[in-house]
Amino acid sequence: EGRRDRGISLMKLSTRLVIAFAMGFAITASLGVFALTQLSAVHAVDRQIAFRELPSILSVTAMDAELSRIRMDEFQHVLAKTAGQRKWYELEMQTELAAFRANDSLHAQFIDTSRELAVDLAFRANWREYLTWHDRIIALAAAGKSAAAEALARGPSQPAYDRARGNLNELVEIAVQSARDASDRSEHTFGSSNRVVVE
């Protein structure tokens, strides 16, 4: 009888050990699944920053730089003394416009909020207005009417140019803030998952 009782006790002990092991395994597996889920969330945020926010910032910054170059060459074209000089600045502006449009097409892929869309639409309206003035300025200067071209460049074209650049700067600010928000979410997710796993 004593031998049988010992056998029952050993069986009960082994059963308890199996249950304890199974519970430990279940907890470990649950923590593993949780950690992988959180890691996936952090990875998604990192991809958002790398493949949306940063390219958006770079493309709009490039657009702003090209717009500034176009404006400077526009003035140089107006002030040029010879047809050869004017032709050189016209070629420069064509290259700058092509680079501007390439970055504009790239940036259009990253617009995904109503605020970005509103600012982008405002930019396009101001950009079209500025280009209208720009074409008139270049035509006047090419026709030898430098004084009239300079008057347009320093006068009515300036507000449209300033508004367009202001829109581009706002688009950069939106993208930068979005990157900051995404980074904060990633940091919070990592911190909370780290506390759960460690504790």
N, C-alpha and C. Protein backbone atom coordinates (compact mmCIF):
# COMPACT_ATOMS: atom_id res chain seq x y z
N GLU A 1 0.84 -1.22 0.00
CA GLU A 1 0.00 0.00 0.00
C GLU A 1 0.87 1.26 0.00
N GLY A 2 1.95 1.21 0.80
CA GLY A 2 2.86 2.36 0.84
C GLY A 2 3.50 2.60 -0.51
N ARG A 3 3.81 1.45 -1.18
CA ARG A 3 4.41 1.58 -2.51
C ARG A 3 3.43 2.22 -3.50
N ARG A 4 2.15 1.83 -3.34
CA ARG A 4 1.13 2.40 -4.23
C ARG A 4 0.94 3.89 -3.97
N ASP A 5 0.96 4.28 -2.71
CA ASP A 5 0.82 5.70 -2.36
C ASP A 5 1.97 6.52 -2.94
N ARG A 6 3.19 5.93 -2.86
CA ARG A 6 4.35 6.65 -3.42
C ARG A 6 4.18 6.82 -4.93
N GLY A 7 3.65 5.76 -5.56
CA GLY A 7 3.44 5.83 -7.01
C GLY A 7 2.44 6.91 -7.38
N ILE A 8 1.36 6.97 -6.58
CA ILE A 8 0.34 8.01 -6.82
C ILE A 8 0.93 9.40 -6.63
N SER A 9 1.74 9.56 -5.60
CA SER A 9 2.37 10.86 -5.30
C SER A 9 3.30 11.27 -6.43
N LEU A 10 4.08 10.29 -6.94
CA LEU A 10 4.99 10.58 -8.05
C LEU A 10 4.21 10.97 -9.29
N MET A 11 3.09 10.27 -9.51
CA MET A 11 2.27 10.59 -10.67
C MET A 11 1.68 11.99 -10.54
N LYS A 12 1.23 12.31 -9.33
CA LYS A 12 0.69 13.65 -9.11
C LYS A 12 1.76 14.71 -9.33
N LEU A 13 2.98 14.42 -8.89
CA LEU A 13 4.09 15.36 -9.05
C LEU A 13 4.41 15.54 -10.53
N SER A 14 4.47 14.42 -11.25
CA SER A 14 4.77 14.51 -12.68
C SER A 14 3.67 15.26 -13.43
N THR A 15 2.43 15.04 -13.00
CA THR A 15 1.31 15.77 -13.63
C THR A 15 1.43 17.27 -13.39
N ARG A 16 1.79 17.60 -12.14
CA ARG A 16 1.96 19.03 -11.82
C ARG A 16 3.11 19.64 -12.62
N LEU A 17 4.19 18.85 -12.79
CA LEU A 17 5.33 19.36 -13.56
C LEU A 17 4.95 19.57 -15.02
N VAL A 18 4.18 18.63 -15.57
CA VAL A 18 3.73 18.77 -16.96
C VAL A 18 2.85 20.00 -17.12
N ILE A 19 1.93 20.18 -16.15
CA ILE A 19 1.03 21.35 -16.21
C ILE A 19 1.83 22.64 -16.10
N ALA A 20 2.80 22.64 -15.16
CA ALA A 20 3.63 23.84 -14.98
C ALA A 20 4.43 24.15 -16.24
N PHE A 21 4.99 23.08 -16.83
CA PHE A 21 5.76 23.27 -18.06
C PHE A 21 4.86 23.80 -19.19
N ALA A 22 3.66 23.23 -19.28
CA ALA A 22 2.73 23.66 -20.33
C ALA A 22 2.33 25.12 -20.15
N MET A 23 2.10 25.51 -18.90
CA MET A 23 1.75 26.91 -18.62
C MET A 23 2.91 27.84 -18.97
N GLY A 24 4.12 27.40 -18.57
CA GLY A 24 5.30 28.21 -18.89
C GLY A 24 5.48 28.37 -20.38
N PHE A 25 5.28 27.27 -21.09
CA PHE A 25 5.40 27.30 -22.56
C PHE A 25 4.35 28.23 -23.16
N ALA A 26 3.11 28.15 -22.64
CA ALA A 26 2.02 28.99 -23.16
C ALA A 26 2.32 30.47 -22.94
N ILE A 27 2.84 30.78 -21.72
CA ILE A 27 3.17 32.18 -21.43
C ILE A 27 4.28 32.67 -22.34
N THR A 28 5.32 31.83 -22.50
CA THR A 28 6.44 32.20 -23.37
C THR A 28 5.98 32.40 -24.80
N ALA A 29 5.11 31.48 -25.27
CA ALA A 29 4.60 31.59 -26.64
C ALA A 29 3.76 32.86 -26.81
N SER A 30 2.95 33.17 -25.79
CA SER A 30 2.12 34.39 -25.85
C SER A 30 2.99 35.63 -25.91
N LEU A 31 4.04 35.65 -25.08
CA LEU A 31 4.95 36.80 -25.09
C LEU A 31 5.65 36.90 -26.45
N GLY A 32 5.99 35.75 -27.02
CA GLY A 32 6.64 35.75 -28.33
C GLY A 32 5.74 36.32 -29.40
N VAL A 33 4.47 35.90 -29.39
CA VAL A 33 3.50 36.40 -30.37
C VAL A 33 3.30 37.91 -30.18
N PHE A 34 3.19 38.33 -28.91
CA PHE A 34 3.01 39.75 -28.61
C PHE A 34 4.21 40.56 -29.11
N ALA A 35 5.42 40.04 -28.81
CA ALA A 35 6.63 40.75 -29.23
C ALA A 35 6.71 40.86 -30.75
N LEU A 36 6.36 39.77 -31.44
CA LEU A 36 6.40 39.80 -32.91
C LEU A 36 5.37 40.78 -33.47
N THR A 37 4.20 40.81 -32.85
CA THR A 37 3.16 41.75 -33.30
C THR A 37 3.61 43.20 -33.13
N GLN A 38 4.19 43.48 -31.96
CA GLN A 38 4.67 44.84 -31.70
C GLN A 38 5.84 45.20 -32.61
N LEU A 39 6.72 44.21 -32.84
CA LEU A 39 7.86 44.44 -33.73
C LEU A 39 7.37 44.74 -35.14
N SER A 40 6.31 44.06 -35.56
CA SER A 40 5.73 44.31 -36.87
C SER A 40 5.18 45.74 -36.96
N ALA A 41 4.57 46.21 -35.86
CA ALA A 41 4.03 47.58 -35.83
C ALA A 41 5.16 48.60 -35.93
N VAL A 42 6.25 48.34 -35.19
CA VAL A 42 7.42 49.24 -35.23
C VAL A 42 8.01 49.25 -36.65
N HIS A 43 8.09 48.08 -37.26
CA HIS A 43 8.63 47.97 -38.61
C HIS A 43 7.78 48.75 -39.61
N ALA A 44 6.46 48.67 -39.45
CA ALA A 44 5.55 49.39 -40.35
C ALA A 44 5.76 50.90 -40.25
N VAL A 45 5.96 51.39 -39.02
CA VAL A 45 6.20 52.82 -38.83
C VAL A 45 7.53 53.23 -39.44
N ASP A 46 8.55 52.39 -39.24
CA ASP A 46 9.86 52.68 -39.82
C ASP A 46 9.79 52.75 -41.34
N ARG A 47 9.01 51.85 -41.93
CA ARG A 47 8.83 51.86 -43.39
C ARG A 47 8.09 53.12 -43.84
N GLN A 48 7.13 53.55 -43.03
CA GLN A 48 6.40 54.78 -43.37
C GLN A 48 7.35 55.97 -43.43
N ILE A 49 8.24 56.05 -42.44
CA ILE A 49 9.20 57.15 -42.41
C ILE A 49 10.17 57.06 -43.58
N ALA A 50 10.69 55.84 -43.82
CA ALA A 50 11.71 55.66 -44.85
C ALA A 50 11.17 55.79 -46.27
N PHE A 51 9.94 55.29 -46.49
CA PHE A 51 9.42 55.24 -47.85
C PHE A 51 8.33 56.25 -48.16
N ARG A 52 7.92 57.04 -47.18
CA ARG A 52 6.95 58.08 -47.47
C ARG A 52 7.42 59.45 -46.99
N GLU A 53 7.64 59.57 -45.67
CA GLU A 53 7.96 60.87 -45.11
C GLU A 53 9.26 61.46 -45.67
N LEU A 54 10.35 60.69 -45.61
CA LEU A 54 11.64 61.21 -46.08
C LEU A 54 11.64 61.51 -47.58
N PRO A 55 11.14 60.62 -48.45
CA PRO A 55 11.08 60.97 -49.88
C PRO A 55 10.21 62.19 -50.15
N SER A 56 9.13 62.33 -49.37
CA SER A 56 8.26 63.50 -49.53
C SER A 56 9.01 64.78 -49.21
N ILE A 57 9.74 64.76 -48.09
CA ILE A 57 10.52 65.94 -47.69
C ILE A 57 11.57 66.27 -48.75
N LEU A 58 12.28 65.24 -49.21
CA LEU A 58 13.35 65.45 -50.19
C LEU A 58 12.81 65.99 -51.51
N SER A 59 11.68 65.45 -51.97
CA SER A 59 11.14 65.88 -53.26
C SER A 59 10.63 67.32 -53.20
N VAL A 60 9.95 67.68 -52.11
CA VAL A 60 9.44 69.06 -52.00
C VAL A 60 10.59 70.04 -51.80
N THR A 61 11.60 69.66 -51.03
CA THR A 61 12.78 70.52 -50.85
C THR A 61 13.47 70.75 -52.19
N ALA A 62 13.56 69.71 -53.00
CA ALA A 62 14.15 69.85 -54.33
C ALA A 62 13.31 70.76 -55.22
N MET A 63 11.99 70.65 -55.12
CA MET A 63 11.11 71.53 -55.88
C MET A 63 11.33 72.99 -55.50
N ASP A 64 11.46 73.23 -54.21
CA ASP A 64 11.68 74.60 -53.72
C ASP A 64 13.01 75.14 -54.24
N ALA A 65 14.04 74.30 -54.23
CA ALA A 65 15.36 74.73 -54.71
C ALA A 65 15.30 75.06 -56.20
N GLU A 66 14.62 74.22 -56.98
CA GLU A 66 14.51 74.46 -58.42
C GLU A 66 13.70 75.72 -58.71
N LEU A 67 12.64 75.94 -57.95
CA LEU A 67 11.83 77.15 -58.14
C LEU A 67 12.67 78.39 -57.88
N SER A 68 13.51 78.33 -56.86
CA SER A 68 14.39 79.46 -56.55
C SER A 68 15.38 79.71 -57.69
N ARG A 69 15.91 78.62 -58.25
CA ARG A 69 16.86 78.75 -59.37
C ARG A 69 16.17 79.34 -60.60
N ILE A 70 14.95 78.87 -60.86
CA ILE A 70 14.20 79.40 -62.00
C ILE A 70 14.01 80.90 -61.86
N ARG A 71 13.65 81.32 -60.65
CA ARG A 71 13.42 82.75 -60.41
C ARG A 71 14.70 83.56 -60.60
N MET A 72 15.82 83.03 -60.10
CA MET A 72 17.09 83.76 -60.26
C MET A 72 17.49 83.85 -61.73
N ASP A 73 17.33 82.75 -62.47
CA ASP A 73 17.68 82.77 -63.89
C ASP A 73 16.71 83.63 -64.70
N GLU A 74 15.50 83.72 -64.23
CA GLU A 74 14.52 84.61 -64.88
C GLU A 74 15.01 86.05 -64.82
N PHE A 75 15.48 86.47 -63.63
CA PHE A 75 16.01 87.83 -63.49
C PHE A 75 17.28 88.01 -64.32
N GLN A 76 18.14 87.00 -64.34
CA GLN A 76 19.37 87.07 -65.13
C GLN A 76 19.02 87.21 -66.62
N HIS A 77 17.98 86.52 -67.04
CA HIS A 77 17.52 86.60 -68.43
C HIS A 77 17.06 88.01 -68.76
N VAL A 78 16.32 88.61 -67.83
CA VAL A 78 15.82 89.97 -68.04
C VAL A 78 16.98 90.96 -68.13
N LEU A 79 18.01 90.76 -67.31
CA LEU A 79 19.13 91.70 -67.25
C LEU A 79 20.23 91.41 -68.27
N ALA A 80 20.11 90.27 -68.99
CA ALA A 80 21.12 89.90 -69.97
C ALA A 80 21.25 90.96 -71.07
N LYS A 81 22.49 91.14 -71.55
CA LYS A 81 22.75 92.19 -72.54
C LYS A 81 22.71 91.70 -73.98
N THR A 82 22.85 90.39 -74.16
CA THR A 82 22.89 89.86 -75.53
C THR A 82 21.89 88.72 -75.69
N ALA A 83 21.56 88.44 -76.95
CA ALA A 83 20.65 87.33 -77.26
C ALA A 83 21.27 85.99 -76.85
N GLY A 84 22.60 85.88 -76.98
CA GLY A 84 23.29 84.66 -76.59
C GLY A 84 23.17 84.38 -75.10
N GLN A 85 23.32 85.44 -74.31
CA GLN A 85 23.17 85.28 -72.86
C GLN A 85 21.75 84.87 -72.50
N ARG A 86 20.79 85.52 -73.17
CA ARG A 86 19.38 85.17 -72.88
C ARG A 86 19.10 83.72 -73.25
N LYS A 87 19.64 83.28 -74.38
CA LYS A 87 19.44 81.90 -74.81
C LYS A 87 20.02 80.92 -73.79
N TRP A 88 21.17 81.26 -73.24
CA TRP A 88 21.81 80.38 -72.25
C TRP A 88 20.91 80.25 -71.02
N TYR A 89 20.36 81.37 -70.55
CA TYR A 89 19.48 81.32 -69.37
C TYR A 89 18.17 80.59 -69.68
N GLU A 90 17.70 80.71 -70.92
CA GLU A 90 16.49 79.96 -71.30
C GLU A 90 16.73 78.45 -71.22
N LEU A 91 17.90 77.99 -71.68
CA LEU A 91 18.25 76.58 -71.60
C LEU A 91 18.38 76.12 -70.13
N GLU A 92 18.97 76.98 -69.32
CA GLU A 92 19.09 76.67 -67.89
C GLU A 92 17.71 76.50 -67.26
N MET A 93 16.80 77.41 -67.59
CA MET A 93 15.46 77.34 -67.01
C MET A 93 14.69 76.11 -67.50
N GLN A 94 14.92 75.71 -68.74
CA GLN A 94 14.29 74.48 -69.24
C GLN A 94 14.74 73.26 -68.44
N THR A 95 16.04 73.21 -68.15
CA THR A 95 16.58 72.10 -67.35
C THR A 95 16.00 72.13 -65.94
N GLU A 96 15.92 73.33 -65.38
CA GLU A 96 15.39 73.48 -64.01
C GLU A 96 13.90 73.12 -63.95
N LEU A 97 13.16 73.51 -64.97
CA LEU A 97 11.73 73.16 -65.02
C LEU A 97 11.54 71.65 -65.13
N ALA A 98 12.39 71.00 -65.91
CA ALA A 98 12.29 69.54 -66.05
C ALA A 98 12.57 68.85 -64.72
N ALA A 99 13.58 69.34 -63.99
CA ALA A 99 13.90 68.76 -62.67
C ALA A 99 12.77 69.04 -61.69
N PHE A 100 12.20 70.24 -61.76
CA PHE A 100 11.07 70.59 -60.90
C PHE A 100 9.90 69.65 -61.13
N ARG A 101 9.56 69.43 -62.39
CA ARG A 101 8.40 68.59 -62.71
C ARG A 101 8.64 67.12 -62.33
N ALA A 102 9.88 66.67 -62.45
CA ALA A 102 10.19 65.29 -62.05
C ALA A 102 9.97 65.11 -60.54
N ASN A 103 10.42 66.07 -59.76
CA ASN A 103 10.23 66.00 -58.31
C ASN A 103 8.77 66.21 -57.93
N ASP A 104 8.07 67.02 -58.70
CA ASP A 104 6.64 67.23 -58.47
C ASP A 104 5.87 65.92 -58.67
N SER A 105 6.18 65.19 -59.74
CA SER A 105 5.53 63.91 -60.00
C SER A 105 5.82 62.90 -58.89
N LEU A 106 7.06 62.93 -58.39
CA LEU A 106 7.44 62.04 -57.29
C LEU A 106 6.65 62.38 -56.03
N HIS A 107 6.58 63.67 -55.72
CA HIS A 107 5.90 64.08 -54.50
C HIS A 107 4.41 63.76 -54.53
N ALA A 108 3.81 63.84 -55.71
CA ALA A 108 2.36 63.58 -55.83
C ALA A 108 1.99 62.19 -55.33
N GLN A 109 2.94 61.26 -55.37
CA GLN A 109 2.66 59.89 -54.93
C GLN A 109 2.50 59.79 -53.41
N PHE A 110 3.02 60.79 -52.68
CA PHE A 110 3.05 60.70 -51.22
C PHE A 110 1.94 61.50 -50.53
N ILE A 111 1.10 62.16 -51.30
CA ILE A 111 0.01 62.95 -50.71
C ILE A 111 -1.09 62.00 -50.24
N ASP A 112 -1.37 61.98 -48.94
CA ASP A 112 -2.41 61.05 -48.45
C ASP A 112 -3.26 61.62 -47.32
N THR A 113 -3.14 62.92 -47.05
CA THR A 113 -4.00 63.53 -46.05
C THR A 113 -4.75 64.70 -46.68
N SER A 114 -5.89 65.05 -46.09
CA SER A 114 -6.70 66.15 -46.63
C SER A 114 -5.95 67.48 -46.54
N ARG A 115 -5.16 67.64 -45.48
CA ARG A 115 -4.40 68.89 -45.33
C ARG A 115 -3.35 69.01 -46.42
N GLU A 116 -2.62 67.92 -46.66
CA GLU A 116 -1.62 67.93 -47.73
C GLU A 116 -2.26 68.23 -49.07
N LEU A 117 -3.40 67.60 -49.33
CA LEU A 117 -4.08 67.81 -50.60
C LEU A 117 -4.50 69.27 -50.77
N ALA A 118 -5.01 69.88 -49.69
CA ALA A 118 -5.44 71.28 -49.75
C ALA A 118 -4.26 72.20 -50.05
N VAL A 119 -3.15 71.97 -49.36
CA VAL A 119 -1.96 72.81 -49.58
C VAL A 119 -1.41 72.58 -50.99
N ASP A 120 -1.42 71.32 -51.44
CA ASP A 120 -0.92 71.01 -52.78
C ASP A 120 -1.78 71.69 -53.84
N LEU A 121 -3.09 71.69 -53.66
CA LEU A 121 -3.97 72.36 -54.63
C LEU A 121 -3.72 73.87 -54.65
N ALA A 122 -3.50 74.45 -53.47
CA ALA A 122 -3.19 75.88 -53.39
C ALA A 122 -1.87 76.17 -54.11
N PHE A 123 -0.89 75.28 -53.89
CA PHE A 123 0.40 75.46 -54.56
C PHE A 123 0.22 75.44 -56.07
N ARG A 124 -0.57 74.49 -56.59
CA ARG A 124 -0.72 74.36 -58.04
C ARG A 124 -1.38 75.60 -58.65
N ALA A 125 -2.32 76.17 -57.92
CA ALA A 125 -2.95 77.40 -58.41
C ALA A 125 -1.94 78.55 -58.47
N ASN A 126 -1.14 78.69 -57.42
CA ASN A 126 -0.12 79.75 -57.39
C ASN A 126 0.99 79.48 -58.40
N TRP A 127 1.35 78.22 -58.57
CA TRP A 127 2.38 77.84 -59.55
C TRP A 127 1.93 78.17 -60.98
N ARG A 128 0.66 77.85 -61.30
CA ARG A 128 0.15 78.17 -62.63
C ARG A 128 0.15 79.68 -62.86
N GLU A 129 -0.24 80.43 -61.82
CA GLU A 129 -0.25 81.89 -61.96
C GLU A 129 1.17 82.41 -62.18
N TYR A 130 2.11 81.89 -61.39
CA TYR A 130 3.50 82.34 -61.53
C TYR A 130 4.03 82.00 -62.93
N LEU A 131 3.74 80.78 -63.43
CA LEU A 131 4.24 80.39 -64.75
C LEU A 131 3.68 81.30 -65.84
N THR A 132 2.45 81.76 -65.68
CA THR A 132 1.86 82.69 -66.65
C THR A 132 2.67 83.97 -66.71
N TRP A 133 2.99 84.52 -65.51
CA TRP A 133 3.83 85.72 -65.45
C TRP A 133 5.23 85.42 -65.99
N HIS A 134 5.77 84.28 -65.62
CA HIS A 134 7.12 83.90 -66.06
C HIS A 134 7.21 83.88 -67.58
N ASP A 135 6.25 83.27 -68.23
CA ASP A 135 6.28 83.19 -69.70
C ASP A 135 6.20 84.59 -70.32
N ARG A 136 5.39 85.46 -69.74
CA ARG A 136 5.29 86.83 -70.25
C ARG A 136 6.59 87.59 -70.06
N ILE A 137 7.22 87.39 -68.91
CA ILE A 137 8.50 88.06 -68.63
C ILE A 137 9.57 87.62 -69.62
N ILE A 138 9.67 86.32 -69.86
CA ILE A 138 10.67 85.79 -70.79
C ILE A 138 10.41 86.30 -72.20
N ALA A 139 9.13 86.32 -72.60
CA ALA A 139 8.79 86.79 -73.95
C ALA A 139 9.15 88.26 -74.13
N LEU A 140 8.86 89.09 -73.13
CA LEU A 140 9.19 90.51 -73.21
C LEU A 140 10.70 90.72 -73.28
N ALA A 141 11.44 90.00 -72.43
CA ALA A 141 12.90 90.15 -72.43
C ALA A 141 13.49 89.68 -73.75
N ALA A 142 12.98 88.58 -74.29
CA ALA A 142 13.48 88.07 -75.57
C ALA A 142 13.20 89.04 -76.71
N ALA A 143 12.12 89.83 -76.56
CA ALA A 143 11.77 90.82 -77.58
C ALA A 143 12.52 92.13 -77.38
N GLY A 144 13.41 92.16 -76.40
CA GLY A 144 14.20 93.36 -76.15
C GLY A 144 13.51 94.38 -75.27
N LYS A 145 12.39 94.01 -74.66
CA LYS A 145 11.65 94.94 -73.80
C LYS A 145 12.02 94.66 -72.33
N SER A 146 13.27 94.89 -72.02
CA SER A 146 13.80 94.54 -70.69
C SER A 146 13.13 95.31 -69.57
N ALA A 147 12.84 96.59 -69.79
CA ALA A 147 12.23 97.40 -68.74
C ALA A 147 10.84 96.87 -68.38
N ALA A 148 10.05 96.54 -69.40
CA ALA A 148 8.71 96.01 -69.15
C ALA A 148 8.80 94.64 -68.47
N ALA A 149 9.78 93.82 -68.91
CA ALA A 149 9.96 92.50 -68.32
C ALA A 149 10.36 92.62 -66.84
N GLU A 150 11.26 93.55 -66.55
CA GLU A 150 11.71 93.73 -65.16
C GLU A 150 10.56 94.25 -64.29
N ALA A 151 9.72 95.10 -64.86
CA ALA A 151 8.58 95.62 -64.11
C ALA A 151 7.63 94.48 -63.71
N LEU A 152 7.41 93.56 -64.62
CA LEU A 152 6.56 92.40 -64.30
C LEU A 152 7.24 91.49 -63.27
N ALA A 153 8.54 91.31 -63.44
CA ALA A 153 9.28 90.42 -62.53
C ALA A 153 9.29 90.96 -61.10
N ARG A 154 9.47 92.25 -60.98
CA ARG A 154 9.52 92.85 -59.64
C ARG A 154 8.14 93.21 -59.10
N GLY A 155 7.15 93.22 -60.00
CA GLY A 155 5.81 93.63 -59.60
C GLY A 155 4.83 92.48 -59.43
N PRO A 156 3.89 92.31 -60.37
CA PRO A 156 2.79 91.36 -60.18
C PRO A 156 3.19 89.88 -60.08
N SER A 157 4.35 89.50 -60.59
CA SER A 157 4.73 88.09 -60.51
C SER A 157 5.23 87.70 -59.12
N GLN A 158 5.70 88.69 -58.36
CA GLN A 158 6.32 88.38 -57.06
C GLN A 158 5.35 87.73 -56.05
N PRO A 159 4.12 88.25 -55.90
CA PRO A 159 3.20 87.61 -54.94
C PRO A 159 2.91 86.15 -55.27
N ALA A 160 2.72 85.84 -56.55
CA ALA A 160 2.43 84.45 -56.94
C ALA A 160 3.63 83.55 -56.61
N TYR A 161 4.83 84.06 -56.88
CA TYR A 161 6.06 83.31 -56.56
C TYR A 161 6.18 83.09 -55.05
N ASP A 162 5.94 84.14 -54.29
CA ASP A 162 6.04 84.03 -52.82
C ASP A 162 5.02 83.04 -52.27
N ARG A 163 3.80 83.08 -52.78
CA ARG A 163 2.77 82.15 -52.31
C ARG A 163 3.13 80.71 -52.65
N ALA A 164 3.64 80.49 -53.86
CA ALA A 164 4.02 79.13 -54.27
C ALA A 164 5.11 78.58 -53.37
N ARG A 165 6.12 79.40 -53.08
CA ARG A 165 7.20 78.94 -52.18
C ARG A 165 6.68 78.72 -50.77
N GLY A 166 5.75 79.57 -50.35
CA GLY A 166 5.15 79.38 -49.03
C GLY A 166 4.41 78.05 -48.94
N ASN A 167 3.69 77.70 -50.01
CA ASN A 167 2.99 76.40 -50.06
C ASN A 167 3.97 75.24 -49.97
N LEU A 168 5.09 75.34 -50.68
CA LEU A 168 6.10 74.28 -50.64
C LEU A 168 6.69 74.13 -49.24
N ASN A 169 6.96 75.25 -48.60
CA ASN A 169 7.49 75.20 -47.23
C ASN A 169 6.48 74.55 -46.28
N GLU A 170 5.20 74.83 -46.49
CA GLU A 170 4.17 74.22 -45.65
C GLU A 170 4.09 72.72 -45.87
N LEU A 171 4.25 72.29 -47.12
CA LEU A 171 4.26 70.85 -47.41
C LEU A 171 5.43 70.14 -46.72
N VAL A 172 6.57 70.82 -46.68
CA VAL A 172 7.73 70.25 -45.97
C VAL A 172 7.41 70.13 -44.48
N GLU A 173 6.83 71.18 -43.91
CA GLU A 173 6.48 71.16 -42.48
C GLU A 173 5.51 70.03 -42.16
N ILE A 174 4.54 69.80 -43.04
CA ILE A 174 3.57 68.72 -42.83
C ILE A 174 4.27 67.37 -42.82
N ALA A 175 5.17 67.16 -43.78
CA ALA A 175 5.88 65.88 -43.87
C ALA A 175 6.80 65.67 -42.68
N VAL A 176 7.46 66.75 -42.23
CA VAL A 176 8.35 66.66 -41.07
C VAL A 176 7.55 66.31 -39.81
N GLN A 177 6.40 66.96 -39.63
CA GLN A 177 5.57 66.66 -38.47
C GLN A 177 5.03 65.24 -38.52
N SER A 178 4.67 64.79 -39.71
CA SER A 178 4.19 63.41 -39.86
C SER A 178 5.29 62.42 -39.49
N ALA A 179 6.53 62.71 -39.88
CA ALA A 179 7.66 61.84 -39.53
C ALA A 179 7.89 61.83 -38.02
N ARG A 180 7.76 62.99 -37.39
CA ARG A 180 7.92 63.07 -35.93
C ARG A 180 6.84 62.26 -35.23
N ASP A 181 5.60 62.40 -35.70
CA ASP A 181 4.49 61.65 -35.09
C ASP A 181 4.71 60.14 -35.24
N ALA A 182 5.16 59.73 -36.42
CA ALA A 182 5.41 58.31 -36.66
C ALA A 182 6.53 57.80 -35.76
N SER A 183 7.57 58.62 -35.60
CA SER A 183 8.68 58.24 -34.74
C SER A 183 8.23 58.11 -33.29
N ASP A 184 7.37 59.02 -32.85
CA ASP A 184 6.85 58.96 -31.47
C ASP A 184 6.02 57.68 -31.28
N ARG A 185 5.21 57.32 -32.29
CA ARG A 185 4.42 56.10 -32.19
C ARG A 185 5.31 54.87 -32.11
N SER A 186 6.36 54.88 -32.91
CA SER A 186 7.29 53.75 -32.91
C SER A 186 7.97 53.61 -31.56
N GLU A 187 8.40 54.74 -31.01
CA GLU A 187 9.07 54.73 -29.70
C GLU A 187 8.13 54.26 -28.60
N HIS A 188 6.88 54.71 -28.65
CA HIS A 188 5.89 54.30 -27.65
C HIS A 188 5.60 52.80 -27.75
N THR A 189 5.43 52.31 -28.98
CA THR A 189 5.15 50.88 -29.18
C THR A 189 6.31 50.03 -28.68
N PHE A 190 7.52 50.44 -29.01
CA PHE A 190 8.70 49.68 -28.57
C PHE A 190 8.82 49.69 -27.05
N GLY A 191 8.62 50.88 -26.46
CA GLY A 191 8.73 50.99 -25.00
C GLY A 191 7.70 50.16 -24.27
N SER A 192 6.45 50.20 -24.74
CA SER A 192 5.39 49.44 -24.06
C SER A 192 5.60 47.94 -24.20
N SER A 193 6.01 47.49 -25.39
CA SER A 193 6.25 46.06 -25.58
C SER A 193 7.46 45.60 -24.78
N ASN A 194 8.47 46.45 -24.68
CA ASN A 194 9.65 46.10 -23.91
C ASN A 194 9.32 45.94 -22.43
N ARG A 195 8.45 46.84 -21.92
CA ARG A 195 8.05 46.74 -20.50
C ARG A 195 7.26 45.45 -20.24
N VAL A 196 6.35 45.11 -21.16
CA VAL A 196 5.54 43.91 -20.99
C VAL A 196 6.41 42.65 -20.99
N VAL A 197 7.34 42.56 -21.92
CA VAL A 197 8.18 41.37 -22.04
C VAL A 197 9.13 41.24 -20.87
N VAL A 198 9.72 42.37 -20.44
CA VAL A 198 10.68 42.34 -19.33
C VAL A 198 9.99 42.06 -18.01
N GLU A 199 8.84 42.70 -17.80
CA GLU A 199 8.14 42.54 -16.54
C GLU A 199 7.45 41.17 -16.47
